[in-house]
């Protein structure tokens, strides 16, 4: 179920844009509002379609320019699962590191809590005198439905 837009998050993003010498245009606001219509993981193209429903003047270029800003500001996180599309998700209130489990048949992504990964990254980097910039854990798996039936109902049919 889509979430309502937290005013505090909108103001925080607007302040972030200001710190970069940018302003909250109507098109950026359309993209921002479309974020909160997303459920789970989404692609830039999915966000573009929802943003155009909010404000039909939003262009593909606007969405693709907004995404890095939204990631840098912490509103969303980028999830690279080694596929053609990059996925994004709203950053929730959870402080727990999230790992992704990807169905190798339908490519559906599920987040699971993996608090040990934060500890692991910190411990290893400190031992080597490094600073963690990014870390991820991804598991490819076959869902029970695929193992049982030989296909998954979440697979997009061509």
C-alpha atoms as a PDB file:
ATOM      1  CA  UNK A   1       0.000   0.000   0.000  1.00  0.00           C
ATOM      2  CA  UNK A   2       1.455   3.401  -0.950  1.00  0.00           C
ATOM      3  CA  UNK A   3       2.511   5.696   1.826  1.00  0.00           C
ATOM      4  CA  UNK A   4       1.530   9.334   2.285  1.00  0.00           C
ATOM      5  CA  UNK A   5       4.283  11.891   1.811  1.00  0.00           C
ATOM      6  CA  UNK A   6       5.893  12.828   5.118  1.00  0.00           C
ATOM      7  CA  UNK A   7       6.104  16.628   5.163  1.00  0.00           C
ATOM      8  CA  UNK A   8       9.366  16.419   7.106  1.00  0.00           C
ATOM      9  CA  UNK A   9      10.935  14.309   4.332  1.00  0.00           C
ATOM     10  CA  UNK A  10       9.756  16.742   1.656  1.00  0.00           C
ATOM     11  CA  UNK A  11      11.227  19.679   3.577  1.00  0.00           C
ATOM     12  CA  UNK A  12      14.460  17.792   4.193  1.00  0.00           C
ATOM     13  CA  UNK A  13      14.803  16.984   0.481  1.00  0.00           C
ATOM     14  CA  UNK A  14      14.007  20.587  -0.437  1.00  0.00           C
ATOM     15  CA  UNK A  15      16.734  21.764   1.978  1.00  0.00           C
ATOM     16  CA  UNK A  16      19.128  19.207   0.462  1.00  0.00           C
ATOM     17  CA  UNK A  17      18.408  20.576  -3.019  1.00  0.00           C
ATOM     18  CA  UNK A  18      19.038  24.092  -1.727  1.00  0.00           C
ATOM     19  CA  UNK A  19      22.431  23.018  -0.377  1.00  0.00           C
ATOM     20  CA  UNK A  20      23.291  21.902  -3.933  1.00  0.00           C
ATOM     21  CA  UNK A  21      22.148  25.218  -5.435  1.00  0.00           C
ATOM     22  CA  UNK A  22      18.989  23.609  -6.810  1.00  0.00           C
ATOM     23  CA  UNK A  23      15.353  24.327  -6.128  1.00  0.00           C
ATOM     24  CA  UNK A  24      12.241  22.212  -5.729  1.00  0.00           C
ATOM     25  CA  UNK A  25      10.571  22.616  -9.115  1.00  0.00           C
ATOM     26  CA  UNK A  26       7.066  21.377  -9.870  1.00  0.00           C
ATOM     27  CA  UNK A  27       8.575  18.508 -11.857  1.00  0.00           C
ATOM     28  CA  UNK A  28      10.885  17.465  -8.993  1.00  0.00           C
ATOM     29  CA  UNK A  29       7.927  17.628  -6.654  1.00  0.00           C
ATOM     30  CA  UNK A  30       5.998  15.382  -9.069  1.00  0.00           C
ATOM     31  CA  UNK A  31       8.840  12.843  -8.981  1.00  0.00           C
ATOM     32  CA  UNK A  32       8.998  13.110  -5.191  1.00  0.00           C
ATOM     33  CA  UNK A  33       5.248  12.544  -4.843  1.00  0.00           C
ATOM     34  CA  UNK A  34       5.442   9.575  -7.214  1.00  0.00           C
ATOM     35  CA  UNK A  35       8.036   7.983  -4.926  1.00  0.00           C
ATOM     36  CA  UNK A  36       5.407   7.525  -2.273  1.00  0.00           C
ATOM     37  CA  UNK A  37       3.130   5.682  -4.685  1.00  0.00           C
ATOM     38  CA  UNK A  38       5.768   2.971  -5.058  1.00  0.00           C
ATOM     39  CA  UNK A  39       5.455  -0.317  -3.256  1.00  0.00           C
ATOM     40  CA  UNK A  40       8.591  -2.351  -2.805  1.00  0.00           C
ATOM     41  CA  UNK A  41      11.355  -2.061  -5.378  1.00  0.00           C
ATOM     42  CA  UNK A  42      10.900   0.042  -8.488  1.00  0.00           C
ATOM     43  CA  UNK A  43      12.785   1.046 -11.622  1.00  0.00           C
ATOM     44  CA  UNK A  44      13.308   4.504 -13.053  1.00  0.00           C
ATOM     45  CA  UNK A  45      10.748   3.723 -15.748  1.00  0.00           C
ATOM     46  CA  UNK A  46       8.117   2.745 -13.178  1.00  0.00           C
ATOM     47  CA  UNK A  47       8.802   5.967 -11.291  1.00  0.00           C
ATOM     48  CA  UNK A  48       8.544   7.943 -14.548  1.00  0.00           C
ATOM     49  CA  UNK A  49       5.085   6.542 -15.286  1.00  0.00           C
ATOM     50  CA  UNK A  50       3.795   7.419 -11.804  1.00  0.00           C
ATOM     51  CA  UNK A  51       5.452  10.855 -11.932  1.00  0.00           C
ATOM     52  CA  UNK A  52       3.723  11.596 -15.261  1.00  0.00           C
ATOM     53  CA  UNK A  53       0.410  10.723 -13.577  1.00  0.00           C
ATOM     54  CA  UNK A  54       1.160  13.324 -10.901  1.00  0.00           C
ATOM     55  CA  UNK A  55       2.510  15.959 -13.321  1.00  0.00           C
ATOM     56  CA  UNK A  56       2.429  15.282 -17.054  1.00  0.00           C
ATOM     57  CA  UNK A  57       5.291  17.742 -17.626  1.00  0.00           C
ATOM     58  CA  UNK A  58       7.767  15.405 -15.875  1.00  0.00           C
ATOM     59  CA  UNK A  59      10.280  14.103 -18.396  1.00  0.00           C
ATOM     60  CA  UNK A  60      12.487  11.015 -18.436  1.00  0.00           C
ATOM     61  CA  UNK A  61      15.504  13.327 -18.061  1.00  0.00           C
ATOM     62  CA  UNK A  62      14.014  14.866 -14.906  1.00  0.00           C
ATOM     63  CA  UNK A  63      13.534  11.436 -13.329  1.00  0.00           C
ATOM     64  CA  UNK A  64      17.047  10.296 -14.239  1.00  0.00           C
ATOM     65  CA  UNK A  65      18.537  13.535 -12.867  1.00  0.00           C
ATOM     66  CA  UNK A  66      16.468  13.280  -9.664  1.00  0.00           C
ATOM     67  CA  UNK A  67      17.369   9.693  -8.817  1.00  0.00           C
ATOM     68  CA  UNK A  68      21.026  10.349  -7.839  1.00  0.00           C
ATOM     69  CA  UNK A  69      19.898  13.335  -5.750  1.00  0.00           C
ATOM     70  CA  UNK A  70      17.283  11.226  -3.982  1.00  0.00           C
ATOM     71  CA  UNK A  71      19.888   8.538  -3.280  1.00  0.00           C
ATOM     72  CA  UNK A  72      22.488  11.047  -2.057  1.00  0.00           C
ATOM     73  CA  UNK A  73      19.933  12.720   0.209  1.00  0.00           C
ATOM     74  CA  UNK A  74      19.020   9.353   1.737  1.00  0.00           C
ATOM     75  CA  UNK A  75      15.341   9.410   0.693  1.00  0.00           C
ATOM     76  CA  UNK A  76      15.801   6.272  -1.413  1.00  0.00           C
ATOM     77  CA  UNK A  77      18.454   3.613  -1.844  1.00  0.00           C
ATOM     78  CA  UNK A  78      19.795   2.209  -5.081  1.00  0.00           C
ATOM     79  CA  UNK A  79      19.796  -1.550  -5.403  1.00  0.00           C
ATOM     80  CA  UNK A  80      22.022  -3.065  -8.066  1.00  0.00           C
ATOM     81  CA  UNK A  81      21.111  -6.717  -8.503  1.00  0.00           C
ATOM     82  CA  UNK A  82      23.369  -7.261 -11.492  1.00  0.00           C
ATOM     83  CA  UNK A  83      20.587  -6.982 -14.043  1.00  0.00           C
ATOM     84  CA  UNK A  84      19.941  -4.549 -16.870  1.00  0.00           C
ATOM     85  CA  UNK A  85      17.701  -2.348 -14.697  1.00  0.00           C
ATOM     86  CA  UNK A  86      18.745  -0.694 -11.482  1.00  0.00           C
ATOM     87  CA  UNK A  87      16.160  -0.842  -8.752  1.00  0.00           C
ATOM     88  CA  UNK A  88      15.349   1.655  -6.036  1.00  0.00           C
ATOM     89  CA  UNK A  89      13.427   1.523  -2.766  1.00  0.00           C
ATOM     90  CA  UNK A  90      12.299   4.083  -0.245  1.00  0.00           C
ATOM     91  CA  UNK A  91      14.522   4.171   2.788  1.00  0.00           C
ATOM     92  CA  UNK A  92      12.356   3.055   5.663  1.00  0.00           C
ATOM     93  CA  UNK A  93      12.792   3.799   9.293  1.00  0.00           C
ATOM     94  CA  UNK A  94      14.670   0.543   9.831  1.00  0.00           C
ATOM     95  CA  UNK A  95      18.242   0.933  10.985  1.00  0.00           C
ATOM     96  CA  UNK A  96      18.952  -2.678  10.106  1.00  0.00           C
ATOM     97  CA  UNK A  97      21.079  -3.518   7.091  1.00  0.00           C
ATOM     98  CA  UNK A  98      18.968  -5.017   4.302  1.00  0.00           C
ATOM     99  CA  UNK A  99      20.048  -7.872   2.054  1.00  0.00           C
ATOM    100  CA  UNK A 100      18.243  -8.750  -1.152  1.00  0.00           C
ATOM    101  CA  UNK A 101      16.983 -12.208  -2.043  1.00  0.00           C
ATOM    102  CA  UNK A 102      16.259 -12.430  -5.763  1.00  0.00           C
ATOM    103  CA  UNK A 103      14.128 -15.170  -7.324  1.00  0.00           C
ATOM    104  CA  UNK A 104      16.258 -16.545 -10.155  1.00  0.00           C
ATOM    105  CA  UNK A 105      13.122 -17.334 -12.172  1.00  0.00           C
ATOM    106  CA  UNK A 106      10.994 -14.195 -11.918  1.00  0.00           C
ATOM    107  CA  UNK A 107      13.642 -11.714 -10.642  1.00  0.00           C
ATOM    108  CA  UNK A 108      11.333 -10.593  -7.818  1.00  0.00           C
ATOM    109  CA  UNK A 109      13.373  -8.925  -5.063  1.00  0.00           C
ATOM    110  CA  UNK A 110      12.668  -9.332  -1.379  1.00  0.00           C
ATOM    111  CA  UNK A 111      14.488  -7.455   1.379  1.00  0.00           C
ATOM    112  CA  UNK A 112      15.520  -9.318   4.503  1.00  0.00           C
ATOM    113  CA  UNK A 113      17.135  -7.945   7.646  1.00  0.00           C
ATOM    114  CA  UNK A 114      20.846  -8.777   7.824  1.00  0.00           C
ATOM    115  CA  UNK A 115      22.192  -6.867  10.838  1.00  0.00           C
ATOM    116  CA  UNK A 116      25.358  -8.994  10.900  1.00  0.00           C
ATOM    117  CA  UNK A 117      26.460  -7.417   7.611  1.00  0.00           C
ATOM    118  CA  UNK A 118      26.822  -3.969   9.145  1.00  0.00           C
ATOM    119  CA  UNK A 119      28.991  -5.448  11.902  1.00  0.00           C
ATOM    120  CA  UNK A 120      30.970  -7.508   9.387  1.00  0.00           C
ATOM    121  CA  UNK A 121      31.687  -4.568   7.100  1.00  0.00           C
ATOM    122  CA  UNK A 122      32.748  -2.367  10.005  1.00  0.00           C
ATOM    123  CA  UNK A 123      34.932  -5.054  11.572  1.00  0.00           C
ATOM    124  CA  UNK A 124      36.722  -6.002   8.356  1.00  0.00           C
ATOM    125  CA  UNK A 125      37.265  -2.415   7.254  1.00  0.00           C
ATOM    126  CA  UNK A 126      38.630  -1.370  10.664  1.00  0.00           C
ATOM    127  CA  UNK A 127      40.987  -4.338  10.663  1.00  0.00           C
ATOM    128  CA  UNK A 128      42.332  -3.254   7.264  1.00  0.00           C
ATOM    129  CA  UNK A 129      42.261   0.477   8.073  1.00  0.00           C
ATOM    130  CA  UNK A 130      39.609   1.198   5.450  1.00  0.00           C
ATOM    131  CA  UNK A 131      36.362   3.176   5.501  1.00  0.00           C
ATOM    132  CA  UNK A 132      33.194   1.453   4.276  1.00  0.00           C
ATOM    133  CA  UNK A 133      31.572   3.332   1.394  1.00  0.00           C
ATOM    134  CA  UNK A 134      29.086   0.686   0.308  1.00  0.00           C
ATOM    135  CA  UNK A 135      28.309  -2.940   0.959  1.00  0.00           C
ATOM    136  CA  UNK A 136      25.646  -5.329  -0.194  1.00  0.00           C
ATOM    137  CA  UNK A 137      24.525  -8.875   0.193  1.00  0.00           C
ATOM    138  CA  UNK A 138      22.463 -10.529  -2.499  1.00  0.00           C
ATOM    139  CA  UNK A 139      21.217 -14.077  -2.647  1.00  0.00           C
ATOM    140  CA  UNK A 140      19.874 -15.736  -5.804  1.00  0.00           C
ATOM    141  CA  UNK A 141      17.258 -18.346  -4.930  1.00  0.00           C
ATOM    142  CA  UNK A 142      14.380 -20.310  -6.397  1.00  0.00           C
ATOM    143  CA  UNK A 143      11.054 -19.578  -4.775  1.00  0.00           C
ATOM    144  CA  UNK A 144       9.006 -22.525  -3.434  1.00  0.00           C
ATOM    145  CA  UNK A 145       6.424 -22.080  -6.201  1.00  0.00           C
ATOM    146  CA  UNK A 146       9.109 -22.457  -8.875  1.00  0.00           C
ATOM    147  CA  UNK A 147      10.580 -25.556  -7.225  1.00  0.00           C
ATOM    148  CA  UNK A 148       7.142 -27.128  -6.937  1.00  0.00           C
ATOM    149  CA  UNK A 149       5.604 -26.168 -10.314  1.00  0.00           C
ATOM    150  CA  UNK A 150       8.604 -25.440 -12.533  1.00  0.00           C
ATOM    151  CA  UNK A 151       7.528 -21.812 -12.942  1.00  0.00           C
ATOM    152  CA  UNK A 152       6.644 -18.800 -10.846  1.00  0.00           C
ATOM    153  CA  UNK A 153       3.386 -16.847 -11.122  1.00  0.00           C
ATOM    154  CA  UNK A 154       5.383 -13.601 -10.678  1.00  0.00           C
ATOM    155  CA  UNK A 155       7.234 -14.140 -13.971  1.00  0.00           C
ATOM    156  CA  UNK A 156       6.249 -11.567 -16.566  1.00  0.00           C
ATOM    157  CA  UNK A 157       4.882 -13.328 -19.639  1.00  0.00           C
ATOM    158  CA  UNK A 158       6.082 -12.029 -23.007  1.00  0.00           C
END
